[in-house]
């Protein structure tokens, strides 16, 4: 047999043996890989509290639930919200830097998230009444008030209570500016009426 044929035969045998060994390794590792995969994507093993957007999307797919988002949360409230979500065993995702963040959660958890937000707002109102003030507004005026506050550079946060009232919370040091905005808004509404 010529040298080239021997080399080709040896190479073919080596390749065949490598493939056989690879197949055996795959057969041995397949059950382990399946267990790891199932464990990684099992909803019982999903982290609760703060999760990534990707994990939230994965959980939404498994639960066949839409994802809802609320923006305009103070980042100092985000940690409290995440801790409460962990306590209630639901996943939430917090996105954003700076003073304001966005909270995303599953639609199936909407009632729990609303409860968490109400608890957080009540706690904040109790702990720092001297630093934060609030007033109630009607839902039809929410967008207009929010726009006026942004236009005037006043930080605010909106919350809905259990009885449906909407509160606008703002720093106490901005009380003078807030009163001016409220009076301007009231005058504009009276002119339109």
Protein backbone atom coordinates (compact mmCIF):
# COMPACT_ATOMS: atom_id res chain seq x y z
CA UNK A 1 0.00 0.00 0.00
CA UNK A 2 1.46 3.37 -0.97
CA UNK A 3 2.39 5.86 1.74
CA UNK A 4 -0.43 8.29 0.80
CA UNK A 5 -3.06 5.57 1.17
CA UNK A 6 -1.69 4.55 4.59
CA UNK A 7 -1.75 8.17 5.72
CA UNK A 8 -5.31 8.63 4.48
CA UNK A 9 -6.40 5.38 6.17
CA UNK A 10 -4.75 6.38 9.46
CA UNK A 11 -6.33 9.81 9.27
CA UNK A 12 -9.76 8.29 8.58
CA UNK A 13 -9.39 5.86 11.50
CA UNK A 14 -8.30 8.70 13.80
CA UNK A 15 -11.27 10.84 12.73
CA UNK A 16 -13.66 7.91 13.20
CA UNK A 17 -12.32 7.19 16.71
CA UNK A 18 -12.58 10.92 17.61
CA UNK A 19 -16.20 10.97 16.49
CA UNK A 20 -16.98 7.82 18.48
CA UNK A 21 -15.42 9.33 21.61
CA UNK A 22 -17.34 12.60 21.07
CA UNK A 23 -20.63 10.73 20.70
CA UNK A 24 -19.96 8.79 23.90
CA UNK A 25 -19.16 12.04 25.77
CA UNK A 26 -22.34 13.63 24.49
CA UNK A 27 -24.36 10.59 25.59
CA UNK A 28 -22.82 10.80 29.06
CA UNK A 29 -23.30 14.58 29.43
CA UNK A 30 -26.75 14.91 27.85
CA UNK A 31 -28.75 14.05 31.01
CA UNK A 32 -26.64 16.45 33.08
CA UNK A 33 -27.06 19.27 30.55
CA UNK A 34 -30.83 18.65 30.43
CA UNK A 35 -31.05 18.83 34.25
CA UNK A 36 -29.07 22.07 34.33
CA UNK A 37 -31.18 23.56 31.53
CA UNK A 38 -34.46 22.59 33.21
CA UNK A 39 -33.27 23.93 36.55
CA UNK A 40 -32.13 27.23 35.03
CA UNK A 41 -35.49 27.86 33.37
CA UNK A 42 -37.83 26.30 35.91
CA UNK A 43 -40.17 28.98 37.32
CA UNK A 44 -39.72 27.54 40.81
CA UNK A 45 -36.04 28.44 40.62
CA UNK A 46 -36.58 31.92 39.20
CA UNK A 47 -35.24 34.65 41.40
CA UNK A 48 -37.80 36.79 43.08
CA UNK A 49 -37.38 40.43 43.84
CA UNK A 50 -35.09 42.20 41.39
CA UNK A 51 -34.48 40.26 38.18
CA UNK A 52 -33.10 41.22 34.80
CA UNK A 53 -35.37 42.24 31.93
CA UNK A 54 -34.42 38.99 30.15
CA UNK A 55 -35.48 36.88 33.14
CA UNK A 56 -38.72 38.83 33.40
CA UNK A 57 -39.44 38.21 29.69
CA UNK A 58 -38.70 34.51 30.17
CA UNK A 59 -41.06 34.31 33.15
CA UNK A 60 -43.73 36.22 31.18
CA UNK A 61 -43.49 33.63 28.42
CA UNK A 62 -43.85 30.74 30.83
CA UNK A 63 -46.72 32.38 32.72
CA UNK A 64 -48.35 33.60 29.48
CA UNK A 65 -48.59 37.02 31.10
CA UNK A 66 -47.96 40.46 29.66
CA UNK A 67 -45.31 42.74 31.13
CA UNK A 68 -46.45 46.05 32.59
CA UNK A 69 -44.24 49.03 33.41
CA UNK A 70 -44.55 52.04 35.67
CA UNK A 71 -42.11 54.88 35.26
CA UNK A 72 -41.29 57.95 37.29
CA UNK A 73 -40.31 56.11 40.49
CA UNK A 74 -37.71 57.63 42.75
CA UNK A 75 -34.66 55.41 42.80
CA UNK A 76 -34.60 55.61 46.61
CA UNK A 77 -37.99 53.80 46.58
CA UNK A 78 -36.75 51.10 44.19
CA UNK A 79 -34.84 49.20 46.89
CA UNK A 80 -37.90 49.16 49.13
CA UNK A 81 -40.10 47.96 46.26
CA UNK A 82 -37.61 45.20 45.38
CA UNK A 83 -37.45 44.01 49.00
CA UNK A 84 -41.25 43.89 49.22
CA UNK A 85 -41.44 42.03 45.87
CA UNK A 86 -38.98 39.48 47.24
CA UNK A 87 -41.14 39.14 50.37
CA UNK A 88 -44.24 38.49 48.23
CA UNK A 89 -42.32 36.14 45.92
CA UNK A 90 -42.81 38.01 42.64
CA UNK A 91 -40.22 39.04 40.05
CA UNK A 92 -39.76 42.72 39.21
CA UNK A 93 -37.22 44.51 37.06
CA UNK A 94 -35.91 47.99 37.81
CA UNK A 95 -34.36 49.89 34.91
CA UNK A 96 -32.74 53.29 34.92
CA UNK A 97 -30.08 55.44 36.51
CA UNK A 98 -30.30 58.67 38.42
CA UNK A 99 -33.22 59.84 40.50
CA UNK A 100 -36.02 58.22 38.43
CA UNK A 101 -36.37 54.56 37.46
CA UNK A 102 -38.87 52.34 35.67
CA UNK A 103 -40.44 49.32 37.34
CA UNK A 104 -41.50 46.35 35.18
CA UNK A 105 -43.55 43.40 36.41
CA UNK A 106 -45.90 40.68 35.18
CA UNK A 107 -49.54 41.55 34.58
CA UNK A 108 -50.58 38.58 36.74
CA UNK A 109 -48.83 40.32 39.68
CA UNK A 110 -50.53 43.69 39.15
CA UNK A 111 -52.61 43.55 42.34
CA UNK A 112 -49.56 42.64 44.45
CA UNK A 113 -47.44 45.38 42.84
CA UNK A 114 -50.19 47.94 43.51
CA UNK A 115 -50.24 46.83 47.15
CA UNK A 116 -46.44 47.11 47.34
CA UNK A 117 -46.53 50.61 45.85
CA UNK A 118 -49.22 51.73 48.29
CA UNK A 119 -47.25 50.34 51.24
CA UNK A 120 -44.11 52.09 50.03
CA UNK A 121 -45.90 55.42 49.62
CA UNK A 122 -47.53 55.15 53.06
CA UNK A 123 -44.18 54.36 54.67
CA UNK A 124 -42.48 57.26 52.93
CA UNK A 125 -45.26 59.66 53.93
CA UNK A 126 -44.96 58.53 57.57
CA UNK A 127 -41.18 58.62 57.78
CA UNK A 128 -40.49 61.97 56.15
CA UNK A 129 -43.53 64.24 56.34
CA UNK A 130 -41.32 67.27 56.86
CA UNK A 131 -39.36 66.56 53.67
CA UNK A 132 -42.24 65.57 51.39
CA UNK A 133 -45.60 67.21 50.77
CA UNK A 134 -48.50 66.04 48.66
CA UNK A 135 -51.88 67.02 47.26
CA UNK A 136 -54.64 65.10 45.51
CA UNK A 137 -55.49 65.52 41.84
CA UNK A 138 -58.09 64.13 39.49
CA UNK A 139 -56.97 61.54 36.98
CA UNK A 140 -58.05 63.72 34.03
CA UNK A 141 -55.52 66.36 35.16
CA UNK A 142 -52.61 63.96 35.72
CA UNK A 143 -50.85 64.47 32.37
CA UNK A 144 -51.23 68.24 32.45
CA UNK A 145 -49.94 68.57 36.03
CA UNK A 146 -47.01 66.26 35.25
CA UNK A 147 -46.12 68.37 32.20
CA UNK A 148 -46.33 71.62 34.19
CA UNK A 149 -44.12 70.23 36.95
CA UNK A 150 -41.53 69.06 34.40
CA UNK A 151 -41.67 72.43 32.61
CA UNK A 152 -40.99 74.22 35.90
CA UNK A 153 -38.26 71.78 37.01
CA UNK A 154 -40.17 70.47 40.03
CA UNK A 155 -39.53 66.85 41.01
CA UNK A 156 -42.73 64.94 41.68
CA UNK A 157 -44.00 61.42 42.08
CA UNK A 158 -47.59 60.26 41.53
CA UNK A 159 -49.30 57.48 43.46
CA UNK A 160 -52.80 56.03 43.57
CA UNK A 161 -54.23 55.07 46.95
CA UNK A 162 -56.41 52.02 47.62
CA UNK A 163 -59.55 54.17 47.38
CA UNK A 164 -58.55 55.47 43.93
CA UNK A 165 -57.31 58.93 44.89
CA UNK A 166 -54.21 60.14 43.07
CA UNK A 167 -51.54 61.94 45.05
CA UNK A 168 -48.77 64.15 43.75
CA UNK A 169 -45.78 64.08 46.09
CA UNK A 170 -43.06 66.72 45.90
CA UNK A 171 -40.15 67.98 48.02
CA UNK A 172 -41.24 70.35 50.78
CA UNK A 173 -38.69 72.97 49.68
CA UNK A 174 -40.56 73.30 46.36
CA UNK A 175 -43.87 74.20 48.07
CA UNK A 176 -43.80 77.82 46.84
CA UNK A 177 -43.21 76.79 43.23
CA UNK A 178 -45.87 74.09 43.49
CA UNK A 179 -48.46 76.60 44.72
CA UNK A 180 -47.63 78.89 41.77
CA UNK A 181 -48.01 76.01 39.30
CA UNK A 182 -51.30 74.94 40.92
CA UNK A 183 -52.67 78.51 40.78
CA UNK A 184 -51.59 78.92 37.13
CA UNK A 185 -53.20 75.59 36.28
CA UNK A 186 -56.40 76.54 38.11
CA UNK A 187 -56.55 79.91 36.30
CA UNK A 188 -56.03 78.25 32.92
CA UNK A 189 -58.84 75.77 33.61
CA UNK A 190 -61.20 78.57 34.64
CA UNK A 191 -60.43 80.51 31.46
CA UNK A 192 -61.17 77.43 29.36
CA UNK A 193 -64.39 76.79 31.26
